[in-house]
Amino acid sequence: MRYPREWQPDLRVTVRWLVDKKNEKTSGWYKAENVRIEPYITGQTAGVWAIFLAGDRVKIVVGNPSASDLAPNAGPPAASDPYVVQGAPDEEWNYEYPKGVVRGIQ
């Protein structure tokens, strides 16, 4: 994923991910639209992280080189975090790519 050198307040992405749950009715493609990207410091970035959370939620973070903001002991984002977005089943991709495979391919 590419992102601008300088953070912009309107920076948003659409995130799609494939979920394999024990219940087949809730497995499949999920989508979260207009996921805002948390502010990052120009010249101090080291890749993009997708953080998938319980309840089909997602957060996108542009990490800094030390990645201290993503330390294992940091814990999950707060429930009120404005950069966490709720995902939902993606009807289009579930039709086009059932179970992650292009329709019609065995």
PDB file of N, CA and C in Angstrom:
ATOM      1  N   MET A   1       0.842  -1.166   0.000  1.00  0.00           N
ATOM      2  CA  MET A   1       0.000   0.000   0.000  1.00  0.00           C
ATOM      3  C   MET A   1       0.888   1.230   0.000  1.00  0.00           C
ATOM      4  N   ARG A   2       0.531   2.189  -0.806  1.00  0.00           N
ATOM      5  CA  ARG A   2       1.259   3.465  -0.830  1.00  0.00           C
ATOM      6  C   ARG A   2       0.439   4.516  -0.102  1.00  0.00           C
ATOM      7  N   TYR A   3       1.128   5.447   0.507  1.00  0.00           N
ATOM      8  CA  TYR A   3       0.458   6.521   1.230  1.00  0.00           C
ATOM      9  C   TYR A   3       1.262   7.800   1.043  1.00  0.00           C
ATOM     10  N   PRO A   4       0.632   8.969   1.188  1.00  0.00           N
ATOM     11  CA  PRO A   4       1.340  10.234   0.990  1.00  0.00           C
ATOM     12  C   PRO A   4       2.452  10.430   2.018  1.00  0.00           C
ATOM     13  N   ARG A   5       3.491  11.110   1.593  1.00  0.00           N
ATOM     14  CA  ARG A   5       4.606  11.412   2.496  1.00  0.00           C
ATOM     15  C   ARG A   5       4.114  12.182   3.723  1.00  0.00           C
ATOM     16  N   GLU A   6       3.213  13.133   3.491  1.00  0.00           N
ATOM     17  CA  GLU A   6       2.646  13.920   4.585  1.00  0.00           C
ATOM     18  C   GLU A   6       1.236  13.451   4.884  1.00  0.00           C
ATOM     19  N   TRP A   7       0.928  13.309   6.166  1.00  0.00           N
ATOM     20  CA  TRP A   7      -0.417  12.920   6.561  1.00  0.00           C
ATOM     21  C   TRP A   7      -1.408  14.003   6.158  1.00  0.00           C
ATOM     22  N   GLN A   8      -2.593  13.598   5.761  1.00  0.00           N
ATOM     23  CA  GLN A   8      -3.662  14.523   5.377  1.00  0.00           C
ATOM     24  C   GLN A   8      -4.920  14.157   6.160  1.00  0.00           C
ATOM     25  N   PRO A   9      -5.661  15.157   6.636  1.00  0.00           N
ATOM     26  CA  PRO A   9      -6.832  14.867   7.466  1.00  0.00           C
ATOM     27  C   PRO A   9      -7.914  14.044   6.768  1.00  0.00           C
ATOM     28  N   ASP A  10      -7.991  14.107   5.457  1.00  0.00           N
ATOM     29  CA  ASP A  10      -9.043  13.377   4.739  1.00  0.00           C
ATOM     30  C   ASP A  10      -8.547  12.038   4.188  1.00  0.00           C
ATOM     31  N   LEU A  11      -7.426  11.565   4.674  1.00  0.00           N
ATOM     32  CA  LEU A  11      -6.828  10.321   4.191  1.00  0.00           C
ATOM     33  C   LEU A  11      -7.667   9.126   4.645  1.00  0.00           C
ATOM     34  N   ARG A  12      -8.267   8.418   3.666  1.00  0.00           N
ATOM     35  CA  ARG A  12      -9.163   7.299   3.962  1.00  0.00           C
ATOM     36  C   ARG A  12      -8.930   6.170   2.970  1.00  0.00           C
ATOM     37  N   VAL A  13      -9.189   4.953   3.403  1.00  0.00           N
ATOM     38  CA  VAL A  13      -9.054   3.783   2.533  1.00  0.00           C
ATOM     39  C   VAL A  13     -10.255   2.856   2.742  1.00  0.00           C
ATOM     40  N   THR A  14     -10.438   1.957   1.779  1.00  0.00           N
ATOM     41  CA  THR A  14     -11.393   0.863   1.926  1.00  0.00           C
ATOM     42  C   THR A  14     -10.582  -0.391   2.204  1.00  0.00           C
ATOM     43  N   VAL A  15     -10.968  -1.136   3.219  1.00  0.00           N
ATOM     44  CA  VAL A  15     -10.253  -2.352   3.606  1.00  0.00           C
ATOM     45  C   VAL A  15     -11.185  -3.542   3.385  1.00  0.00           C
ATOM     46  N   ARG A  16     -10.674  -4.559   2.694  1.00  0.00           N
ATOM     47  CA  ARG A  16     -11.406  -5.817   2.515  1.00  0.00           C
ATOM     48  C   ARG A  16     -10.547  -6.937   3.085  1.00  0.00           C
ATOM     49  N   TRP A  17     -11.196  -7.888   3.752  1.00  0.00           N
ATOM     50  CA  TRP A  17     -10.454  -9.019   4.286  1.00  0.00           C
ATOM     51  C   TRP A  17     -11.330 -10.259   4.266  1.00  0.00           C
ATOM     52  N   LEU A  18     -10.659 -11.397   4.169  1.00  0.00           N
ATOM     53  CA  LEU A  18     -11.338 -12.689   4.105  1.00  0.00           C
ATOM     54  C   LEU A  18     -11.348 -13.318   5.493  1.00  0.00           C
ATOM     55  N   VAL A  19     -12.535 -13.681   5.961  1.00  0.00           N
ATOM     56  CA  VAL A  19     -12.717 -14.219   7.302  1.00  0.00           C
ATOM     57  C   VAL A  19     -13.130 -15.683   7.212  1.00  0.00           C
ATOM     58  N   ASP A  20     -12.496 -16.527   8.009  1.00  0.00           N
ATOM     59  CA  ASP A  20     -12.870 -17.936   8.086  1.00  0.00           C
ATOM     60  C   ASP A  20     -13.326 -18.207   9.517  1.00  0.00           C
ATOM     61  N   LYS A  21     -14.625 -18.133   9.728  1.00  0.00           N
ATOM     62  CA  LYS A  21     -15.187 -18.344  11.063  1.00  0.00           C
ATOM     63  C   LYS A  21     -15.743 -19.756  11.160  1.00  0.00           C
ATOM     64  N   LYS A  22     -15.997 -20.194  12.358  1.00  0.00           N
ATOM     65  CA  LYS A  22     -16.561 -21.533  12.561  1.00  0.00           C
ATOM     66  C   LYS A  22     -17.956 -21.643  11.953  1.00  0.00           C
ATOM     67  N   ASN A  23     -18.685 -20.552  11.924  1.00  0.00           N
ATOM     68  CA  ASN A  23     -20.026 -20.517  11.354  1.00  0.00           C
ATOM     69  C   ASN A  23     -19.918 -20.087   9.895  1.00  0.00           C
ATOM     70  N   GLU A  24     -20.244 -20.975   8.973  1.00  0.00           N
ATOM     71  CA  GLU A  24     -20.075 -20.675   7.546  1.00  0.00           C
ATOM     72  C   GLU A  24     -20.916 -19.480   7.096  1.00  0.00           C
ATOM     73  N   LYS A  25     -22.035 -19.228   7.762  1.00  0.00           N
ATOM     74  CA  LYS A  25     -22.889 -18.098   7.371  1.00  0.00           C
ATOM     75  C   LYS A  25     -22.217 -16.757   7.634  1.00  0.00           C
ATOM     76  N   THR A  26     -21.285 -16.703   8.576  1.00  0.00           N
ATOM     77  CA  THR A  26     -20.603 -15.439   8.864  1.00  0.00           C
ATOM     78  C   THR A  26     -19.176 -15.424   8.332  1.00  0.00           C
ATOM     79  N   SER A  27     -18.767 -16.477   7.627  1.00  0.00           N
ATOM     80  CA  SER A  27     -17.451 -16.490   6.983  1.00  0.00           C
ATOM     81  C   SER A  27     -17.555 -15.759   5.656  1.00  0.00           C
ATOM     82  N   GLY A  28     -16.415 -15.377   5.102  1.00  0.00           N
ATOM     83  CA  GLY A  28     -16.392 -14.734   3.794  1.00  0.00           C
ATOM     84  C   GLY A  28     -15.706 -13.389   3.831  1.00  0.00           C
ATOM     85  N   TRP A  29     -15.947 -12.615   2.786  1.00  0.00           N
ATOM     86  CA  TRP A  29     -15.320 -11.305   2.648  1.00  0.00           C
ATOM     87  C   TRP A  29     -16.048 -10.263   3.488  1.00  0.00           C
ATOM     88  N   TYR A  30     -15.249  -9.422   4.133  1.00  0.00           N
ATOM     89  CA  TYR A  30     -15.773  -8.284   4.884  1.00  0.00           C
ATOM     90  C   TYR A  30     -15.156  -7.019   4.313  1.00  0.00           C
ATOM     91  N   LYS A  31     -15.861  -5.908   4.503  1.00  0.00           N
ATOM     92  CA  LYS A  31     -15.381  -4.631   3.974  1.00  0.00           C
ATOM     93  C   LYS A  31     -15.663  -3.533   4.991  1.00  0.00           C
ATOM     94  N   ALA A  32     -14.698  -2.630   5.129  1.00  0.00           N
ATOM     95  CA  ALA A  32     -14.878  -1.419   5.925  1.00  0.00           C
ATOM     96  C   ALA A  32     -14.509  -0.256   5.012  1.00  0.00           C
ATOM     97  N   GLU A  33     -15.436   0.659   4.827  1.00  0.00           N
ATOM     98  CA  GLU A  33     -15.196   1.796   3.939  1.00  0.00           C
ATOM     99  C   GLU A  33     -14.885   3.048   4.750  1.00  0.00           C
ATOM    100  N   ASN A  34     -14.187   3.968   4.108  1.00  0.00           N
ATOM    101  CA  ASN A  34     -13.839   5.253   4.720  1.00  0.00           C
ATOM    102  C   ASN A  34     -13.087   5.086   6.036  1.00  0.00           C
ATOM    103  N   VAL A  35     -12.126   4.169   6.046  1.00  0.00           N
ATOM    104  CA  VAL A  35     -11.295   3.966   7.231  1.00  0.00           C
ATOM    105  C   VAL A  35     -10.267   5.095   7.267  1.00  0.00           C
ATOM    106  N   ARG A  36     -10.374   5.933   8.268  1.00  0.00           N
ATOM    107  CA  ARG A  36      -9.438   7.052   8.413  1.00  0.00           C
ATOM    108  C   ARG A  36      -8.097   6.522   8.905  1.00  0.00           C
ATOM    109  N   ILE A  37      -7.022   7.133   8.422  1.00  0.00           N
ATOM    110  CA  ILE A  37      -5.682   6.735   8.855  1.00  0.00           C
ATOM    111  C   ILE A  37      -5.199   7.727   9.901  1.00  0.00           C
ATOM    112  N   GLU A  38      -4.801   7.186  11.021  1.00  0.00           N
ATOM    113  CA  GLU A  38      -4.315   7.971  12.148  1.00  0.00           C
ATOM    114  C   GLU A  38      -3.147   8.867  11.713  1.00  0.00           C
ATOM    115  N   PRO A  39      -3.011  10.074  12.276  1.00  0.00           N
ATOM    116  CA  PRO A  39      -1.890  10.947  11.906  1.00  0.00           C
ATOM    117  C   PRO A  39      -0.535  10.261  12.106  1.00  0.00           C
ATOM    118  N   TYR A  40       0.380  10.558  11.185  1.00  0.00           N
ATOM    119  CA  TYR A  40       1.747  10.045  11.293  1.00  0.00           C
ATOM    120  C   TYR A  40       2.709  11.186  11.006  1.00  0.00           C
ATOM    121  N   ILE A  41       3.964  10.997  11.392  1.00  0.00           N
ATOM    122  CA  ILE A  41       4.970  12.053  11.276  1.00  0.00           C
ATOM    123  C   ILE A  41       5.711  11.911   9.957  1.00  0.00           C
ATOM    124  N   THR A  42       5.750  12.985   9.177  1.00  0.00           N
ATOM    125  CA  THR A  42       6.442  12.996   7.891  1.00  0.00           C
ATOM    126  C   THR A  42       7.897  12.584   8.072  1.00  0.00           C
ATOM    127  N   GLY A  43       8.353  11.656   7.241  1.00  0.00           N
ATOM    128  CA  GLY A  43       9.738  11.207   7.280  1.00  0.00           C
ATOM    129  C   GLY A  43      10.033  10.194   8.374  1.00  0.00           C
ATOM    130  N   GLN A  44       9.037   9.839   9.169  1.00  0.00           N
ATOM    131  CA  GLN A  44       9.251   8.874  10.253  1.00  0.00           C
ATOM    132  C   GLN A  44       8.239   7.740  10.148  1.00  0.00           C
ATOM    133  N   THR A  45       8.180   7.125   8.973  1.00  0.00           N
ATOM    134  CA  THR A  45       7.228   6.032   8.773  1.00  0.00           C
ATOM    135  C   THR A  45       7.960   4.755   8.390  1.00  0.00           C
ATOM    136  N   ALA A  46       7.327   3.638   8.674  1.00  0.00           N
ATOM    137  CA  ALA A  46       7.935   2.340   8.357  1.00  0.00           C
ATOM    138  C   ALA A  46       6.853   1.311   8.079  1.00  0.00           C
ATOM    139  N   GLY A  47       6.069   1.563   7.066  1.00  0.00           N
ATOM    140  CA  GLY A  47       5.073   0.581   6.658  1.00  0.00           C
ATOM    141  C   GLY A  47       3.689   0.812   7.221  1.00  0.00           C
ATOM    142  N   VAL A  48       2.766   0.046   6.679  1.00  0.00           N
ATOM    143  CA  VAL A  48       1.357   0.152   7.055  1.00  0.00           C
ATOM    144  C   VAL A  48       0.940  -1.120   7.792  1.00  0.00           C
ATOM    145  N   TRP A  49       0.191  -0.941   8.854  1.00  0.00           N
ATOM    146  CA  TRP A  49      -0.304  -2.061   9.651  1.00  0.00           C
ATOM    147  C   TRP A  49      -1.824  -2.073   9.589  1.00  0.00           C
ATOM    148  N   ALA A  50      -2.402  -3.229   9.332  1.00  0.00           N
ATOM    149  CA  ALA A  50      -3.848  -3.415   9.461  1.00  0.00           C
ATOM    150  C   ALA A  50      -4.065  -4.175  10.758  1.00  0.00           C
ATOM    151  N   ILE A  51      -4.809  -3.587  11.660  1.00  0.00           N
ATOM    152  CA  ILE A  51      -5.080  -4.207  12.951  1.00  0.00           C
ATOM    153  C   ILE A  51      -6.532  -4.686  12.926  1.00  0.00           C
ATOM    154  N   PHE A  52      -6.708  -6.005  12.919  1.00  0.00           N
ATOM    155  CA  PHE A  52      -8.041  -6.592  12.888  1.00  0.00           C
ATOM    156  C   PHE A  52      -8.470  -6.900  14.317  1.00  0.00           C
ATOM    157  N   LEU A  53      -9.642  -6.424  14.670  1.00  0.00           N
ATOM    158  CA  LEU A  53     -10.132  -6.516  16.041  1.00  0.00           C
ATOM    159  C   LEU A  53     -11.380  -7.386  16.126  1.00  0.00           C
ATOM    160  N   ALA A  54     -11.688  -7.805  17.325  1.00  0.00           N
ATOM    161  CA  ALA A  54     -12.908  -8.590  17.541  1.00  0.00           C
ATOM    162  C   ALA A  54     -14.119  -7.802  17.060  1.00  0.00           C
ATOM    163  N   GLY A  55     -15.145  -8.532  16.666  1.00  0.00           N
ATOM    164  CA  GLY A  55     -16.372  -7.874  16.224  1.00  0.00           C
ATOM    165  C   GLY A  55     -16.275  -7.317  14.822  1.00  0.00           C
ATOM    166  N   ASP A  56     -15.361  -7.860  14.006  1.00  0.00           N
ATOM    167  CA  ASP A  56     -15.222  -7.454  12.597  1.00  0.00           C
ATOM    168  C   ASP A  56     -14.875  -5.976  12.449  1.00  0.00           C
ATOM    169  N   ARG A  57     -13.993  -5.489  13.320  1.00  0.00           N
ATOM    170  CA  ARG A  57     -13.544  -4.100  13.254  1.00  0.00           C
ATOM    171  C   ARG A  57     -12.097  -4.069  12.774  1.00  0.00           C
ATOM    172  N   VAL A  58     -11.696  -2.918  12.223  1.00  0.00           N
ATOM    173  CA  VAL A  58     -10.346  -2.781  11.681  1.00  0.00           C
ATOM    174  C   VAL A  58      -9.824  -1.366  11.933  1.00  0.00           C
ATOM    175  N   LYS A  59      -8.501  -1.278  12.036  1.00  0.00           N
ATOM    176  CA  LYS A  59      -7.821   0.009  12.181  1.00  0.00           C
ATOM    177  C   LYS A  59      -6.571  -0.049  11.316  1.00  0.00           C
ATOM    178  N   ILE A  60      -6.269   1.036  10.606  1.00  0.00           N
ATOM    179  CA  ILE A  60      -5.068   1.129   9.776  1.00  0.00           C
ATOM    180  C   ILE A  60      -4.117   2.137  10.421  1.00  0.00           C
ATOM    181  N   VAL A  61      -2.858   1.728  10.571  1.00  0.00           N
ATOM    182  CA  VAL A  61      -1.841   2.576  11.196  1.00  0.00           C
ATOM    183  C   VAL A  61      -0.608   2.606  10.307  1.00  0.00           C
ATOM    184  N   VAL A  62      -0.054   3.792  10.093  1.00  0.00           N
ATOM    185  CA  VAL A  62       1.254   3.922   9.448  1.00  0.00           C
ATOM    186  C   VAL A  62       2.251   3.970  10.589  1.00  0.00           C
ATOM    187  N   GLY A  63       3.079   2.924  10.702  1.00  0.00           N
ATOM    188  CA  GLY A  63       3.975   2.786  11.840  1.00  0.00           C
ATOM    189  C   GLY A  63       5.220   3.644  11.731  1.00  0.00           C
ATOM    190  N   ASN A  64       5.788   3.965  12.887  1.00  0.00           N
ATOM    191  CA  ASN A  64       7.066   4.670  12.887  1.00  0.00           C
ATOM    192  C   ASN A  64       8.186   3.633  12.936  1.00  0.00           C
ATOM    193  N   PRO A  65       9.430   4.038  12.616  1.00  0.00           N
ATOM    194  CA  PRO A  65      10.519   3.054  12.534  1.00  0.00           C
ATOM    195  C   PRO A  65      10.745   2.242  13.803  1.00  0.00           C
ATOM    196  N   SER A  66      10.515   2.819  14.970  1.00  0.00           N
ATOM    197  CA  SER A  66      10.733   2.059  16.204  1.00  0.00           C
ATOM    198  C   SER A  66       9.527   1.186  16.535  1.00  0.00           C
ATOM    199  N   ALA A  67       8.398   1.475  15.911  1.00  0.00           N
ATOM    200  CA  ALA A  67       7.144   0.726  16.105  1.00  0.00           C
ATOM    201  C   ALA A  67       6.744   0.630  17.569  1.00  0.00           C
ATOM    202  N   SER A  68       7.201   1.572  18.387  1.00  0.00           N
ATOM    203  CA  SER A  68       6.817   1.533  19.801  1.00  0.00           C
ATOM    204  C   SER A  68       5.319   1.756  19.975  1.00  0.00           C
ATOM    205  N   ASP A  69       4.700   2.420  18.979  1.00  0.00           N
ATOM    206  CA  ASP A  69       3.256   2.635  19.076  1.00  0.00           C
ATOM    207  C   ASP A  69       2.479   1.347  18.835  1.00  0.00           C
ATOM    208  N   LEU A  70       3.146   0.304  18.334  1.00  0.00           N
ATOM    209  CA  LEU A  70       2.493  -0.981  18.093  1.00  0.00           C
ATOM    210  C   LEU A  70       3.090  -2.077  18.970  1.00  0.00           C
ATOM    211  N   ALA A  71       3.661  -1.685  20.094  1.00  0.00           N
ATOM    212  CA  ALA A  71       4.295  -2.655  20.995  1.00  0.00           C
ATOM    213  C   ALA A  71       3.264  -3.666  21.491  1.00  0.00           C
ATOM    214  N   PRO A  72       3.685  -4.930  21.688  1.00  0.00           N
ATOM    215  CA  PRO A  72       2.742  -5.964  22.133  1.00  0.00           C
ATOM    216  C   PRO A  72       2.023  -5.623  23.436  1.00  0.00           C
ATOM    217  N   ASN A  73       2.671  -4.871  24.316  1.00  0.00           N
ATOM    218  CA  ASN A  73       2.040  -4.546  25.597  1.00  0.00           C
ATOM    219  C   ASN A  73       1.177  -3.292  25.522  1.00  0.00           C
ATOM    220  N   ALA A  74       1.011  -2.734  24.330  1.00  0.00           N
ATOM    221  CA  ALA A  74       0.227  -1.512  24.183  1.00  0.00           C
ATOM    222  C   ALA A  74      -1.264  -1.782  24.356  1.00  0.00           C
ATOM    223  N   GLY A  75      -1.710  -3.005  24.095  1.00  0.00           N
ATOM    224  CA  GLY A  75      -3.120  -3.341  24.239  1.00  0.00           C
ATOM    225  C   GLY A  75      -3.929  -2.908  23.025  1.00  0.00           C
ATOM    226  N   PRO A  76      -5.184  -3.332  22.969  1.00  0.00           N
ATOM    227  CA  PRO A  76      -6.026  -2.991  21.821  1.00  0.00           C
ATOM    228  C   PRO A  76      -6.457  -1.526  21.871  1.00  0.00           C
ATOM    229  N   PRO A  77      -6.878  -0.987  20.732  1.00  0.00           N
ATOM    230  CA  PRO A  77      -7.377   0.395  20.720  1.00  0.00           C
ATOM    231  C   PRO A  77      -8.605   0.530  21.627  1.00  0.00           C
ATOM    232  N   ALA A  78      -8.795   1.718  22.160  1.00  0.00           N
ATOM    233  CA  ALA A  78      -9.952   1.986  23.016  1.00  0.00           C
ATOM    234  C   ALA A  78     -11.242   1.893  22.207  1.00  0.00           C
ATOM    235  N   ALA A  79     -12.325   1.585  22.874  1.00  0.00           N
ATOM    236  CA  ALA A  79     -13.629   1.474  22.208  1.00  0.00           C
ATOM    237  C   ALA A  79     -14.022   2.787  21.543  1.00  0.00           C
ATOM    238  N   SER A  80     -13.546   3.897  22.074  1.00  0.00           N
ATOM    239  CA  SER A  80     -13.895   5.208  21.523  1.00  0.00           C
ATOM    240  C   SER A  80     -12.912   5.691  20.457  1.00  0.00           C
ATOM    241  N   ASP A  81     -11.949   4.861  20.063  1.00  0.00           N
ATOM    242  CA  ASP A  81     -10.938   5.253  19.071  1.00  0.00           C
ATOM    243  C   ASP A  81     -11.623   5.621  17.755  1.00  0.00           C
ATOM    244  N   PRO A  82     -11.478   6.874  17.290  1.00  0.00           N
ATOM    245  CA  PRO A  82     -12.163   7.303  16.063  1.00  0.00           C
ATOM    246  C   PRO A  82     -11.594   6.683  14.793  1.00  0.00           C
ATOM    247  N   TYR A  83     -10.465   5.991  14.901  1.00  0.00           N
ATOM    248  CA  TYR A  83      -9.843   5.385  13.723  1.00  0.00           C
ATOM    249  C   TYR A  83     -10.196   3.903  13.576  1.00  0.00           C
ATOM    250  N   VAL A  84     -10.997   3.377  14.476  1.00  0.00           N
ATOM    251  CA  VAL A  84     -11.486   2.001  14.375  1.00  0.00           C
ATOM    252  C   VAL A  84     -12.824   2.031  13.645  1.00  0.00           C
ATOM    253  N   VAL A  85     -12.953   1.188  12.615  1.00  0.00           N
ATOM    254  CA  VAL A  85     -14.172   1.170  11.799  1.00  0.00           C
ATOM    255  C   VAL A  85     -14.780  -0.229  11.807  1.00  0.00           C
ATOM    256  N   GLN A  86     -16.083  -0.270  11.861  1.00  0.00           N
ATOM    257  CA  GLN A  86     -16.829  -1.527  11.832  1.00  0.00           C
ATOM    258  C   GLN A  86     -16.896  -2.053  10.402  1.00  0.00           C
ATOM    259  N   GLY A  87     -16.522  -3.305  10.215  1.00  0.00           N
ATOM    260  CA  GLY A  87     -16.661  -3.947   8.916  1.00  0.00           C
ATOM    261  C   GLY A  87     -18.016  -4.622   8.803  1.00  0.00           C
ATOM    262  N   ALA A  88     -18.368  -4.995   7.576  1.00  0.00           N
ATOM    263  CA  ALA A  88     -19.631  -5.683   7.310  1.00  0.00           C
ATOM    264  C   ALA A  88     -19.402  -6.656   6.163  1.00  0.00           C
ATOM    265  N   PRO A  89     -20.232  -7.695   6.060  1.00  0.00           N
ATOM    266  CA  PRO A  89     -20.078  -8.610   4.926  1.00  0.00           C
ATOM    267  C   PRO A  89     -20.105  -7.846   3.601  1.00  0.00           C
ATOM    268  N   ASP A  90     -19.213  -8.222   2.704  1.00  0.00           N
ATOM    269  CA  ASP A  90     -19.099  -7.573   1.393  1.00  0.00           C
ATOM    270  C   ASP A  90     -19.835  -8.439   0.371  1.00  0.00           C
ATOM    271  N   GLU A  91     -21.075  -8.087   0.093  1.00  0.00           N
ATOM    272  CA  GLU A  91     -21.924  -8.892  -0.801  1.00  0.00           C
ATOM    273  C   GLU A  91     -21.300  -9.060  -2.182  1.00  0.00           C
ATOM    274  N   GLU A  92     -20.738  -7.982  -2.726  1.00  0.00           N
ATOM    275  CA  GLU A  92     -20.144  -8.035  -4.072  1.00  0.00           C
ATOM    276  C   GLU A  92     -18.997  -9.041  -4.130  1.00  0.00           C
ATOM    277  N   TRP A  93     -18.048  -8.933  -3.212  1.00  0.00           N
ATOM    278  CA  TRP A  93     -16.893  -9.830  -3.240  1.00  0.00           C
ATOM    279  C   TRP A  93     -17.270 -11.250  -2.823  1.00  0.00           C
ATOM    280  N   ASN A  94     -18.266 -11.403  -1.960  1.00  0.00           N
ATOM    281  CA  ASN A  94     -18.704 -12.754  -1.604  1.00  0.00           C
ATOM    282  C   ASN A  94     -19.325 -13.456  -2.801  1.00  0.00           C
ATOM    283  N   TYR A  95     -19.922 -12.701  -3.706  1.00  0.00           N
ATOM    284  CA  TYR A  95     -20.458 -13.290  -4.935  1.00  0.00           C
ATOM    285  C   TYR A  95     -19.332 -13.571  -5.933  1.00  0.00           C
ATOM    286  N   GLU A  96     -18.463 -12.563  -6.158  1.00  0.00           N
ATOM    287  CA  GLU A  96     -17.395 -12.675  -7.162  1.00  0.00           C
ATOM    288  C   GLU A  96     -16.288 -13.646  -6.761  1.00  0.00           C
ATOM    289  N   TYR A  97     -15.959 -13.686  -5.484  1.00  0.00           N
ATOM    290  CA  TYR A  97     -14.830 -14.490  -4.998  1.00  0.00           C
ATOM    291  C   TYR A  97     -15.255 -15.355  -3.814  1.00  0.00           C
ATOM    292  N   PRO A  98     -16.155 -16.310  -4.029  1.00  0.00           N
ATOM    293  CA  PRO A  98     -16.594 -17.136  -2.899  1.00  0.00           C
ATOM    294  C   PRO A  98     -15.414 -17.894  -2.290  1.00  0.00           C
ATOM    295  N   LYS A  99     -15.291 -17.789  -0.979  1.00  0.00           N
ATOM    296  CA  LYS A  99     -14.193 -18.438  -0.238  1.00  0.00           C
ATOM    297  C   LYS A  99     -12.820 -18.025  -0.758  1.00  0.00           C
ATOM    298  N   GLY A 100     -12.718 -16.820  -1.316  1.00  0.00           N
ATOM    299  CA  GLY A 100     -11.436 -16.289  -1.763  1.00  0.00           C
ATOM    300  C   GLY A 100     -10.994 -16.730  -3.137  1.00  0.00           C
ATOM    301  N   VAL A 101     -11.874 -17.398  -3.893  1.00  0.00           N
ATOM    302  CA  VAL A 101     -11.522 -17.915  -5.217  1.00  0.00           C
ATOM    303  C   VAL A 101     -12.400 -17.236  -6.260  1.00  0.00           C
ATOM    304  N   VAL A 102     -11.813 -16.912  -7.421  1.00  0.00           N
ATOM    305  CA  VAL A 102     -12.586 -16.307  -8.499  1.00  0.00           C
ATOM    306  C   VAL A 102     -13.685 -17.277  -8.914  1.00  0.00           C
ATOM    307  N   ARG A 103     -14.909 -16.769  -9.025  1.00  0.00           N
ATOM    308  CA  ARG A 103     -16.063 -17.601  -9.393  1.00  0.00           C
ATOM    309  C   ARG A 103     -15.780 -18.343 -10.694  1.00  0.00           C
ATOM    310  N   GLY A 104     -16.088 -19.625 -10.711  1.00  0.00           N
ATOM    311  CA  GLY A 104     -15.911 -20.434 -11.910  1.00  0.00           C
ATOM    312  C   GLY A 104     -14.591 -21.185 -11.969  1.00  0.00           C
ATOM    313  N   ILE A 105     -13.668 -20.884 -11.062  1.00  0.00           N
ATOM    314  CA  ILE A 105     -12.379 -21.593 -11.037  1.00  0.00           C
ATOM    315  C   ILE A 105     -12.463 -22.687  -9.981  1.00  0.00           C
ATOM    316  N   GLN A 106     -12.053 -23.873 -10.336  1.00  0.00           N
ATOM    317  CA  GLN A 106     -12.094 -25.014  -9.405  1.00  0.00           C
ATOM    318  C   GLN A 106     -10.800 -25.108  -8.627  1.00  0.00           C
TER     319      GLN A 106
END
